[in-house]
């Protein structure tokens, strides 16, 4: 995986956290930098751990599915991308957390937005990638995006979040197509 594709993957997977943080920021009067960084770190850690879990599950199953691994990667990346596009097209969500949400509610939201990263981690088990590099890139991108999302929430709301989510979905579908084409042309 090239550094550019790792960056695109990391940004695509951080969009859900950005949207959740936008919603959270929109419900607060003045989210401070300390709270925004805390929120970003929680989202970033969750988003970095889940692809590692998915990758480990994919490695465990790889010997059983080696013949169709490229199709699995294509289906998972395409499915996650399609879900992101459909979610963006459905319109605004009422998923914003209450203004005084607890740490546990924040953690649950962080892991809830990381489920797609776990599916991508499974697909990465069938590709030649350094999973720690990818996980760190995803975690850093998500930390930055969630921190920025919380700070920008008062100004942007969820208006632009849907377009970013759709664009992230398209990027994941393209990456899945690239995995399939690379394997079929080899």
N, C-alpha and C. Protein backbone atom coordinates (compact mmCIF):
# COMPACT_ATOMS: atom_id res chain seq x y z
N UNK A 1 0.85 -1.17 0.00
CA UNK A 1 0.00 0.00 0.00
C UNK A 1 0.90 1.24 0.00
N UNK A 2 0.58 2.17 -0.87
CA UNK A 2 1.38 3.38 -0.96
C UNK A 2 1.01 4.36 0.16
N UNK A 3 1.89 5.29 0.48
CA UNK A 3 1.55 6.30 1.49
C UNK A 3 0.29 7.08 1.12
N UNK A 4 0.08 7.33 -0.16
CA UNK A 4 -1.12 8.07 -0.58
C UNK A 4 -2.37 7.24 -0.29
N UNK A 5 -2.35 5.95 -0.62
CA UNK A 5 -3.54 5.14 -0.37
C UNK A 5 -3.76 4.94 1.12
N UNK A 6 -2.69 4.87 1.91
CA UNK A 6 -2.85 4.80 3.36
C UNK A 6 -3.50 6.08 3.87
N UNK A 7 -3.06 7.22 3.35
CA UNK A 7 -3.66 8.51 3.75
C UNK A 7 -5.12 8.61 3.37
N UNK A 8 -5.46 8.17 2.17
CA UNK A 8 -6.86 8.20 1.74
C UNK A 8 -7.70 7.28 2.61
N UNK A 9 -7.17 6.08 2.90
CA UNK A 9 -7.88 5.15 3.77
C UNK A 9 -8.10 5.76 5.15
N UNK A 10 -7.05 6.34 5.71
CA UNK A 10 -7.14 6.93 7.05
C UNK A 10 -8.17 8.06 7.09
N UNK A 11 -8.14 8.92 6.10
CA UNK A 11 -9.12 10.01 6.06
C UNK A 11 -10.54 9.49 5.85
N UNK A 12 -10.69 8.49 4.99
CA UNK A 12 -12.02 7.92 4.73
C UNK A 12 -12.61 7.32 6.00
N UNK A 13 -11.79 6.62 6.75
CA UNK A 13 -12.29 5.98 7.97
C UNK A 13 -12.51 6.96 9.11
N UNK A 14 -11.90 8.13 9.04
CA UNK A 14 -12.07 9.10 10.12
C UNK A 14 -13.29 9.99 9.93
N UNK A 15 -13.98 9.86 8.80
CA UNK A 15 -15.13 10.73 8.51
C UNK A 15 -16.26 10.52 9.52
N UNK A 16 -16.55 9.25 9.88
CA UNK A 16 -17.62 9.00 10.85
C UNK A 16 -17.34 9.69 12.18
N UNK A 17 -16.09 9.61 12.63
CA UNK A 17 -15.72 10.27 13.88
C UNK A 17 -15.84 11.79 13.75
N UNK A 18 -15.46 12.32 12.60
CA UNK A 18 -15.59 13.76 12.34
C UNK A 18 -17.05 14.19 12.44
N UNK A 19 -17.94 13.40 11.82
CA UNK A 19 -19.37 13.72 11.84
C UNK A 19 -19.92 13.65 13.25
N UNK A 20 -19.55 12.59 13.99
CA UNK A 20 -20.02 12.47 15.38
C UNK A 20 -19.50 13.64 16.22
N UNK A 21 -18.25 14.02 16.01
CA UNK A 21 -17.69 15.16 16.76
C UNK A 21 -18.34 16.47 16.35
N UNK A 22 -18.68 16.61 15.06
CA UNK A 22 -19.42 17.81 14.63
C UNK A 22 -20.74 17.91 15.38
N UNK A 23 -21.45 16.80 15.44
CA UNK A 23 -22.72 16.80 16.16
C UNK A 23 -22.54 17.11 17.62
N UNK A 24 -21.52 16.53 18.21
CA UNK A 24 -21.24 16.78 19.62
C UNK A 24 -20.87 18.25 19.83
N UNK A 25 -20.05 18.80 18.94
CA UNK A 25 -19.66 20.21 19.04
C UNK A 25 -20.83 21.15 18.85
N UNK A 26 -21.78 20.75 18.00
CA UNK A 26 -22.94 21.59 17.76
C UNK A 26 -23.85 21.68 18.98
N UNK A 27 -23.75 20.70 19.89
CA UNK A 27 -24.61 20.72 21.07
C UNK A 27 -23.98 21.45 22.25
N UNK A 28 -22.76 21.87 22.11
CA UNK A 28 -22.06 22.54 23.21
C UNK A 28 -21.99 24.04 22.94
N UNK A 29 -22.03 24.81 24.00
CA UNK A 29 -21.95 26.26 23.86
C UNK A 29 -20.59 26.67 23.31
N UNK A 30 -19.53 26.28 23.97
CA UNK A 30 -18.17 26.63 23.56
C UNK A 30 -17.25 25.46 23.90
N UNK A 31 -17.14 24.47 23.01
CA UNK A 31 -16.24 23.37 23.34
C UNK A 31 -14.79 23.85 23.39
N UNK A 32 -14.14 23.60 24.51
CA UNK A 32 -12.76 24.04 24.68
C UNK A 32 -11.77 23.12 24.00
N UNK A 33 -10.55 23.59 23.84
CA UNK A 33 -9.51 22.81 23.17
C UNK A 33 -9.19 21.53 23.95
N UNK A 34 -9.16 21.61 25.28
CA UNK A 34 -8.86 20.42 26.09
C UNK A 34 -9.92 19.33 25.87
N UNK A 35 -11.18 19.72 25.86
CA UNK A 35 -12.26 18.75 25.63
C UNK A 35 -12.18 18.22 24.21
N UNK A 36 -11.87 19.07 23.26
CA UNK A 36 -11.77 18.63 21.87
C UNK A 36 -10.62 17.63 21.70
N UNK A 37 -9.49 17.88 22.33
CA UNK A 37 -8.35 16.95 22.25
C UNK A 37 -8.68 15.62 22.92
N UNK A 38 -9.34 15.68 24.07
CA UNK A 38 -9.75 14.45 24.76
C UNK A 38 -10.68 13.64 23.88
N UNK A 39 -11.65 14.30 23.28
CA UNK A 39 -12.58 13.62 22.39
C UNK A 39 -11.84 13.03 21.19
N UNK A 40 -10.95 13.81 20.61
CA UNK A 40 -10.17 13.34 19.47
C UNK A 40 -9.32 12.13 19.81
N UNK A 41 -8.68 12.15 20.97
CA UNK A 41 -7.85 11.01 21.37
C UNK A 41 -8.66 9.75 21.60
N UNK A 42 -9.83 9.89 22.18
CA UNK A 42 -10.69 8.72 22.40
C UNK A 42 -11.13 8.13 21.07
N UNK A 43 -11.58 8.98 20.16
CA UNK A 43 -11.98 8.50 18.84
C UNK A 43 -10.77 7.90 18.11
N UNK A 44 -9.62 8.56 18.19
CA UNK A 44 -8.42 8.08 17.49
C UNK A 44 -7.95 6.73 18.00
N UNK A 45 -7.94 6.54 19.32
CA UNK A 45 -7.53 5.24 19.87
C UNK A 45 -8.50 4.14 19.45
N UNK A 46 -9.79 4.41 19.51
CA UNK A 46 -10.77 3.40 19.10
C UNK A 46 -10.59 3.06 17.63
N UNK A 47 -10.38 4.06 16.82
CA UNK A 47 -10.25 3.85 15.38
C UNK A 47 -8.93 3.17 15.03
N UNK A 48 -7.90 3.29 15.85
CA UNK A 48 -6.62 2.63 15.61
C UNK A 48 -6.64 1.17 16.06
N UNK A 49 -7.39 0.87 17.11
CA UNK A 49 -7.43 -0.49 17.65
C UNK A 49 -8.31 -1.42 16.80
N UNK A 50 -9.42 -0.92 16.31
CA UNK A 50 -10.36 -1.81 15.61
C UNK A 50 -9.82 -2.41 14.31
N UNK A 51 -9.02 -1.70 13.49
CA UNK A 51 -8.48 -2.40 12.32
C UNK A 51 -7.47 -3.49 12.71
N UNK A 52 -6.79 -3.31 13.85
CA UNK A 52 -5.88 -4.35 14.33
C UNK A 52 -6.65 -5.61 14.70
N UNK A 53 -7.80 -5.43 15.34
CA UNK A 53 -8.65 -6.57 15.69
C UNK A 53 -9.14 -7.24 14.41
N UNK A 54 -9.63 -6.45 13.47
CA UNK A 54 -10.11 -7.01 12.21
C UNK A 54 -9.01 -7.72 11.45
N UNK A 55 -7.81 -7.12 11.44
CA UNK A 55 -6.68 -7.73 10.76
C UNK A 55 -6.34 -9.08 11.37
N UNK A 56 -6.32 -9.15 12.71
CA UNK A 56 -6.03 -10.42 13.40
C UNK A 56 -7.07 -11.48 13.05
N UNK A 57 -8.33 -11.08 13.00
CA UNK A 57 -9.38 -12.03 12.61
C UNK A 57 -9.20 -12.48 11.17
N UNK A 58 -8.83 -11.55 10.30
CA UNK A 58 -8.60 -11.89 8.90
C UNK A 58 -7.42 -12.83 8.72
N UNK A 59 -6.34 -12.59 9.47
CA UNK A 59 -5.16 -13.47 9.41
C UNK A 59 -5.54 -14.87 9.87
N UNK A 60 -6.33 -14.95 10.95
CA UNK A 60 -6.74 -16.26 11.46
C UNK A 60 -7.54 -17.03 10.43
N UNK A 61 -8.32 -16.34 9.62
CA UNK A 61 -9.17 -17.00 8.63
C UNK A 61 -8.50 -17.11 7.26
N UNK A 62 -7.33 -16.50 7.08
CA UNK A 62 -6.75 -16.39 5.73
C UNK A 62 -6.44 -17.73 5.09
N UNK A 63 -5.99 -18.70 5.85
CA UNK A 63 -5.65 -19.99 5.23
C UNK A 63 -6.89 -20.70 4.69
N UNK A 64 -8.06 -20.34 5.20
CA UNK A 64 -9.29 -20.98 4.74
C UNK A 64 -9.89 -20.29 3.52
N UNK A 65 -9.50 -19.05 3.30
CA UNK A 65 -10.12 -18.27 2.23
C UNK A 65 -9.10 -17.70 1.24
N UNK A 66 -7.92 -18.27 1.19
CA UNK A 66 -6.85 -17.72 0.35
C UNK A 66 -7.24 -17.62 -1.12
N UNK A 67 -8.06 -18.51 -1.60
CA UNK A 67 -8.44 -18.52 -3.02
C UNK A 67 -9.34 -17.34 -3.36
N UNK A 68 -10.12 -16.87 -2.41
CA UNK A 68 -11.08 -15.79 -2.69
C UNK A 68 -10.80 -14.54 -1.86
N UNK A 69 -9.59 -14.42 -1.31
CA UNK A 69 -9.30 -13.30 -0.43
C UNK A 69 -9.49 -11.94 -1.10
N UNK A 70 -9.15 -11.84 -2.38
CA UNK A 70 -9.31 -10.56 -3.09
C UNK A 70 -10.79 -10.20 -3.23
N UNK A 71 -11.64 -11.19 -3.39
CA UNK A 71 -13.09 -10.93 -3.46
C UNK A 71 -13.63 -10.50 -2.10
N UNK A 72 -13.10 -11.09 -1.04
CA UNK A 72 -13.52 -10.70 0.31
C UNK A 72 -13.11 -9.25 0.58
N UNK A 73 -11.88 -8.92 0.25
CA UNK A 73 -11.41 -7.54 0.46
C UNK A 73 -12.25 -6.57 -0.35
N UNK A 74 -12.53 -6.92 -1.61
CA UNK A 74 -13.36 -6.08 -2.46
C UNK A 74 -14.76 -5.91 -1.86
N UNK A 75 -15.36 -7.01 -1.41
CA UNK A 75 -16.71 -6.95 -0.85
C UNK A 75 -16.76 -6.13 0.44
N UNK A 76 -15.77 -6.32 1.31
CA UNK A 76 -15.77 -5.58 2.57
C UNK A 76 -15.56 -4.09 2.35
N UNK A 77 -14.54 -3.74 1.56
CA UNK A 77 -14.28 -2.32 1.29
C UNK A 77 -15.45 -1.69 0.54
N UNK A 78 -15.96 -2.42 -0.46
CA UNK A 78 -17.10 -1.91 -1.21
C UNK A 78 -18.34 -1.78 -0.35
N UNK A 79 -18.57 -2.76 0.51
CA UNK A 79 -19.74 -2.71 1.40
C UNK A 79 -19.68 -1.57 2.38
N UNK A 80 -18.51 -1.38 2.99
CA UNK A 80 -18.35 -0.26 3.93
C UNK A 80 -18.52 1.06 3.19
N UNK A 81 -17.91 1.16 2.00
CA UNK A 81 -18.04 2.38 1.20
C UNK A 81 -19.48 2.66 0.81
N UNK A 82 -20.19 1.62 0.38
CA UNK A 82 -21.60 1.78 0.01
C UNK A 82 -22.45 2.18 1.21
N UNK A 83 -22.16 1.59 2.38
CA UNK A 83 -22.90 1.96 3.59
C UNK A 83 -22.66 3.43 3.93
N UNK A 84 -21.42 3.90 3.74
CA UNK A 84 -21.13 5.31 4.01
C UNK A 84 -21.89 6.22 3.05
N UNK A 85 -21.94 5.84 1.78
CA UNK A 85 -22.66 6.65 0.78
C UNK A 85 -24.15 6.68 1.10
N UNK A 86 -24.73 5.51 1.38
CA UNK A 86 -26.16 5.45 1.70
C UNK A 86 -26.48 6.23 2.96
N UNK A 87 -25.61 6.13 3.95
CA UNK A 87 -25.81 6.88 5.19
C UNK A 87 -25.79 8.38 4.92
N UNK A 88 -24.90 8.81 4.05
CA UNK A 88 -24.82 10.24 3.71
C UNK A 88 -26.06 10.70 2.96
N UNK A 89 -26.59 9.82 2.11
CA UNK A 89 -27.77 10.18 1.32
C UNK A 89 -29.07 10.18 2.13
N UNK A 90 -29.08 9.50 3.26
CA UNK A 90 -30.29 9.41 4.07
C UNK A 90 -30.63 10.71 4.77
N UNK A 91 -29.70 11.61 4.82
CA UNK A 91 -29.99 12.90 5.44
C UNK A 91 -29.41 12.99 6.83
N UNK A 92 -29.67 14.11 7.48
CA UNK A 92 -29.10 14.35 8.81
C UNK A 92 -29.57 13.30 9.80
N UNK A 93 -28.66 12.95 10.69
CA UNK A 93 -28.98 11.98 11.73
C UNK A 93 -29.17 12.70 13.04
N UNK A 94 -29.97 12.12 13.88
CA UNK A 94 -30.14 12.66 15.23
C UNK A 94 -29.21 11.93 16.19
N UNK A 95 -27.97 11.72 15.75
CA UNK A 95 -27.02 10.95 16.55
C UNK A 95 -26.15 11.82 17.44
N UNK A 96 -26.40 13.11 17.47
CA UNK A 96 -25.57 13.97 18.30
C UNK A 96 -25.76 13.60 19.76
N UNK A 97 -24.66 13.57 20.48
CA UNK A 97 -24.73 13.24 21.89
C UNK A 97 -25.27 14.42 22.68
N UNK A 98 -25.86 14.14 23.82
CA UNK A 98 -26.31 15.24 24.66
C UNK A 98 -25.14 16.12 25.08
N UNK A 99 -25.46 17.35 25.43
CA UNK A 99 -24.42 18.32 25.78
C UNK A 99 -23.57 17.85 26.96
N UNK A 100 -24.10 17.08 27.86
CA UNK A 100 -23.36 16.63 29.04
C UNK A 100 -23.15 15.11 28.97
N UNK A 101 -22.72 14.61 27.83
CA UNK A 101 -22.50 13.17 27.68
C UNK A 101 -21.36 12.68 28.56
N UNK A 102 -21.47 11.45 29.01
CA UNK A 102 -20.46 10.88 29.88
C UNK A 102 -19.29 10.32 29.07
N UNK A 103 -18.24 9.96 29.78
CA UNK A 103 -17.09 9.32 29.15
C UNK A 103 -17.52 8.03 28.48
N UNK A 104 -18.40 7.26 29.12
CA UNK A 104 -18.82 5.97 28.58
C UNK A 104 -19.65 6.16 27.31
N UNK A 105 -20.47 7.19 27.27
CA UNK A 105 -21.24 7.47 26.05
C UNK A 105 -20.29 7.87 24.92
N UNK A 106 -19.27 8.65 25.25
CA UNK A 106 -18.28 9.04 24.25
C UNK A 106 -17.51 7.83 23.74
N UNK A 107 -17.11 6.95 24.65
CA UNK A 107 -16.38 5.74 24.27
C UNK A 107 -17.25 4.83 23.40
N UNK A 108 -18.52 4.68 23.76
CA UNK A 108 -19.43 3.85 22.96
C UNK A 108 -19.60 4.44 21.56
N UNK A 109 -19.70 5.75 21.47
CA UNK A 109 -19.81 6.40 20.17
C UNK A 109 -18.54 6.19 19.36
N UNK A 110 -17.39 6.31 20.02
CA UNK A 110 -16.11 6.12 19.34
C UNK A 110 -16.00 4.71 18.76
N UNK A 111 -16.36 3.71 19.55
CA UNK A 111 -16.30 2.34 19.02
C UNK A 111 -17.40 2.10 18.00
N UNK A 112 -18.53 2.73 18.15
CA UNK A 112 -19.60 2.59 17.16
C UNK A 112 -19.19 3.13 15.80
N UNK A 113 -18.44 4.20 15.80
CA UNK A 113 -17.99 4.76 14.51
C UNK A 113 -16.78 4.00 13.96
N UNK A 114 -16.23 3.07 14.75
CA UNK A 114 -15.03 2.33 14.34
C UNK A 114 -15.33 0.95 13.76
N UNK A 115 -16.58 0.56 13.70
CA UNK A 115 -16.92 -0.77 13.19
C UNK A 115 -16.45 -0.93 11.75
N UNK A 116 -16.57 0.11 10.96
CA UNK A 116 -16.12 0.03 9.57
C UNK A 116 -14.60 -0.18 9.49
N UNK A 117 -13.85 0.38 10.45
CA UNK A 117 -12.40 0.19 10.47
C UNK A 117 -12.06 -1.28 10.76
N UNK A 118 -12.89 -1.95 11.55
CA UNK A 118 -12.65 -3.36 11.81
C UNK A 118 -12.85 -4.18 10.52
N UNK A 119 -13.90 -3.87 9.78
CA UNK A 119 -14.14 -4.57 8.52
C UNK A 119 -13.00 -4.31 7.53
N UNK A 120 -12.52 -3.09 7.49
CA UNK A 120 -11.39 -2.77 6.62
C UNK A 120 -10.15 -3.52 7.10
N UNK A 121 -9.96 -3.64 8.41
CA UNK A 121 -8.84 -4.40 8.95
C UNK A 121 -8.87 -5.85 8.49
N UNK A 122 -10.06 -6.45 8.44
CA UNK A 122 -10.18 -7.82 7.92
C UNK A 122 -9.69 -7.86 6.48
N UNK A 123 -10.12 -6.90 5.67
CA UNK A 123 -9.72 -6.92 4.27
C UNK A 123 -8.22 -6.67 4.11
N UNK A 124 -7.62 -5.91 5.02
CA UNK A 124 -6.18 -5.65 4.94
C UNK A 124 -5.35 -6.88 5.27
N UNK A 125 -5.96 -7.85 5.94
CA UNK A 125 -5.25 -9.09 6.24
C UNK A 125 -4.91 -9.84 4.95
N UNK A 126 -5.64 -9.58 3.89
CA UNK A 126 -5.42 -10.26 2.62
C UNK A 126 -4.56 -9.44 1.67
N UNK A 127 -4.07 -8.32 2.13
CA UNK A 127 -3.22 -7.45 1.30
C UNK A 127 -1.82 -7.40 1.93
N UNK A 128 -0.88 -6.98 1.16
CA UNK A 128 0.49 -6.86 1.65
C UNK A 128 0.66 -5.47 2.26
N UNK A 129 0.30 -5.33 3.53
CA UNK A 129 0.39 -4.04 4.22
C UNK A 129 1.08 -4.23 5.56
N UNK A 130 1.66 -3.17 6.05
CA UNK A 130 2.20 -3.14 7.41
C UNK A 130 1.08 -2.58 8.27
N UNK A 131 0.37 -3.46 8.97
CA UNK A 131 -0.87 -3.08 9.66
C UNK A 131 -0.64 -2.03 10.75
N UNK A 132 0.51 -2.06 11.42
CA UNK A 132 0.75 -1.06 12.46
C UNK A 132 0.86 0.34 11.86
N UNK A 133 1.50 0.45 10.70
CA UNK A 133 1.59 1.75 10.03
C UNK A 133 0.20 2.25 9.66
N UNK A 134 -0.60 1.37 9.12
CA UNK A 134 -1.96 1.74 8.72
C UNK A 134 -2.79 2.12 9.95
N UNK A 135 -2.69 1.33 11.03
CA UNK A 135 -3.46 1.61 12.24
C UNK A 135 -3.06 2.95 12.85
N UNK A 136 -1.77 3.23 12.89
CA UNK A 136 -1.31 4.53 13.43
C UNK A 136 -1.82 5.67 12.55
N UNK A 137 -1.74 5.50 11.23
CA UNK A 137 -2.23 6.56 10.33
C UNK A 137 -3.72 6.79 10.54
N UNK A 138 -4.48 5.72 10.69
CA UNK A 138 -5.92 5.86 10.93
C UNK A 138 -6.18 6.55 12.26
N UNK A 139 -5.44 6.15 13.29
CA UNK A 139 -5.61 6.76 14.61
C UNK A 139 -5.26 8.25 14.63
N UNK A 140 -4.16 8.60 13.99
CA UNK A 140 -3.75 10.01 13.94
C UNK A 140 -4.75 10.84 13.15
N UNK A 141 -5.15 10.32 11.99
CA UNK A 141 -6.13 11.05 11.17
C UNK A 141 -7.44 11.23 11.92
N UNK A 142 -7.88 10.19 12.61
CA UNK A 142 -9.14 10.27 13.35
C UNK A 142 -9.02 11.24 14.53
N UNK A 143 -7.90 11.20 15.23
CA UNK A 143 -7.69 12.14 16.33
C UNK A 143 -7.79 13.58 15.83
N UNK A 144 -7.11 13.86 14.74
CA UNK A 144 -7.14 15.21 14.16
C UNK A 144 -8.54 15.58 13.68
N UNK A 145 -9.18 14.66 12.97
CA UNK A 145 -10.51 14.95 12.41
C UNK A 145 -11.55 15.13 13.52
N UNK A 146 -11.52 14.27 14.54
CA UNK A 146 -12.50 14.39 15.62
C UNK A 146 -12.27 15.66 16.44
N UNK A 147 -11.01 16.00 16.68
CA UNK A 147 -10.70 17.24 17.41
C UNK A 147 -11.20 18.45 16.62
N UNK A 148 -10.89 18.47 15.34
CA UNK A 148 -11.34 19.57 14.48
C UNK A 148 -12.87 19.58 14.37
N UNK A 149 -13.46 18.41 14.31
CA UNK A 149 -14.92 18.33 14.21
C UNK A 149 -15.62 18.90 15.42
N UNK A 150 -15.10 18.59 16.60
CA UNK A 150 -15.71 19.14 17.82
C UNK A 150 -15.58 20.65 17.85
N UNK A 151 -14.41 21.16 17.49
CA UNK A 151 -14.20 22.61 17.50
C UNK A 151 -15.05 23.31 16.42
N UNK A 152 -15.21 22.66 15.28
CA UNK A 152 -15.95 23.28 14.17
C UNK A 152 -17.46 23.05 14.26
N UNK A 153 -17.87 22.20 15.18
CA UNK A 153 -19.29 21.84 15.28
C UNK A 153 -20.24 23.01 15.40
N UNK A 154 -19.85 24.01 16.14
CA UNK A 154 -20.72 25.17 16.32
C UNK A 154 -20.94 25.92 15.01
N UNK A 155 -19.97 25.87 14.12
CA UNK A 155 -20.06 26.64 12.89
C UNK A 155 -20.57 25.83 11.71
N UNK A 156 -20.17 24.57 11.64
CA UNK A 156 -20.50 23.77 10.46
C UNK A 156 -21.70 22.86 10.65
N UNK A 157 -21.93 22.46 11.91
CA UNK A 157 -23.00 21.51 12.13
C UNK A 157 -22.75 20.24 11.36
N UNK A 158 -23.81 19.60 10.89
CA UNK A 158 -23.65 18.37 10.10
C UNK A 158 -23.84 18.62 8.62
N UNK A 159 -23.94 19.88 8.21
CA UNK A 159 -24.20 20.24 6.82
C UNK A 159 -23.17 19.65 5.86
N UNK A 160 -21.88 19.81 6.19
CA UNK A 160 -20.83 19.34 5.29
C UNK A 160 -20.38 17.93 5.60
N UNK A 161 -20.77 17.42 6.75
CA UNK A 161 -20.36 16.07 7.13
C UNK A 161 -20.89 15.00 6.20
N UNK A 162 -22.11 15.16 5.70
CA UNK A 162 -22.69 14.17 4.80
C UNK A 162 -21.91 14.06 3.50
N UNK A 163 -21.49 15.18 2.94
CA UNK A 163 -20.72 15.16 1.70
C UNK A 163 -19.37 14.48 1.92
N UNK A 164 -18.74 14.75 3.06
CA UNK A 164 -17.45 14.12 3.37
C UNK A 164 -17.62 12.62 3.55
N UNK A 165 -18.71 12.20 4.18
CA UNK A 165 -18.97 10.78 4.36
C UNK A 165 -19.16 10.09 3.02
N UNK A 166 -19.90 10.71 2.12
CA UNK A 166 -20.11 10.13 0.78
C UNK A 166 -18.79 10.03 0.03
N UNK A 167 -17.97 11.05 0.11
CA UNK A 167 -16.67 11.03 -0.57
C UNK A 167 -15.77 9.94 0.01
N UNK A 168 -15.79 9.76 1.32
CA UNK A 168 -15.04 8.68 1.95
C UNK A 168 -15.52 7.32 1.48
N UNK A 169 -16.83 7.17 1.30
CA UNK A 169 -17.38 5.91 0.79
C UNK A 169 -16.91 5.62 -0.62
N UNK A 170 -16.90 6.63 -1.45
CA UNK A 170 -16.41 6.46 -2.83
C UNK A 170 -14.94 6.04 -2.81
N UNK A 171 -14.16 6.65 -1.94
CA UNK A 171 -12.73 6.30 -1.86
C UNK A 171 -12.55 4.84 -1.46
N UNK A 172 -13.35 4.36 -0.50
CA UNK A 172 -13.21 2.96 -0.09
C UNK A 172 -13.63 2.00 -1.20
N UNK A 173 -14.67 2.34 -1.94
CA UNK A 173 -15.09 1.50 -3.06
C UNK A 173 -13.98 1.45 -4.12
N UNK A 174 -13.37 2.58 -4.39
CA UNK A 174 -12.26 2.62 -5.35
C UNK A 174 -11.09 1.77 -4.87
N UNK A 175 -10.79 1.82 -3.57
CA UNK A 175 -9.70 1.01 -3.04
C UNK A 175 -10.02 -0.48 -3.17
N UNK A 176 -11.27 -0.85 -2.89
CA UNK A 176 -11.68 -2.25 -3.06
C UNK A 176 -11.55 -2.69 -4.50
N UNK A 177 -11.94 -1.82 -5.42
CA UNK A 177 -11.79 -2.12 -6.84
C UNK A 177 -10.33 -2.26 -7.22
N UNK A 178 -9.48 -1.44 -6.63
CA UNK A 178 -8.04 -1.53 -6.89
C UNK A 178 -7.46 -2.86 -6.42
N UNK A 179 -7.89 -3.33 -5.24
CA UNK A 179 -7.43 -4.64 -4.74
C UNK A 179 -7.84 -5.73 -5.72
N UNK A 180 -9.09 -5.69 -6.15
CA UNK A 180 -9.59 -6.71 -7.08
C UNK A 180 -8.84 -6.66 -8.41
N UNK A 181 -8.69 -5.48 -8.97
CA UNK A 181 -7.99 -5.35 -10.26
C UNK A 181 -6.53 -5.77 -10.16
N UNK A 182 -5.87 -5.40 -9.07
CA UNK A 182 -4.48 -5.79 -8.89
C UNK A 182 -4.34 -7.31 -8.86
N UNK A 183 -5.24 -7.97 -8.14
CA UNK A 183 -5.17 -9.43 -8.04
C UNK A 183 -5.51 -10.10 -9.35
N UNK A 184 -6.53 -9.61 -10.04
CA UNK A 184 -6.96 -10.24 -11.29
C UNK A 184 -5.96 -10.02 -12.41
N UNK A 185 -5.21 -8.91 -12.35
CA UNK A 185 -4.24 -8.64 -13.42
C UNK A 185 -2.88 -9.30 -13.15
N UNK A 186 -2.71 -9.87 -11.97
CA UNK A 186 -1.41 -10.50 -11.62
C UNK A 186 -1.28 -11.89 -12.21
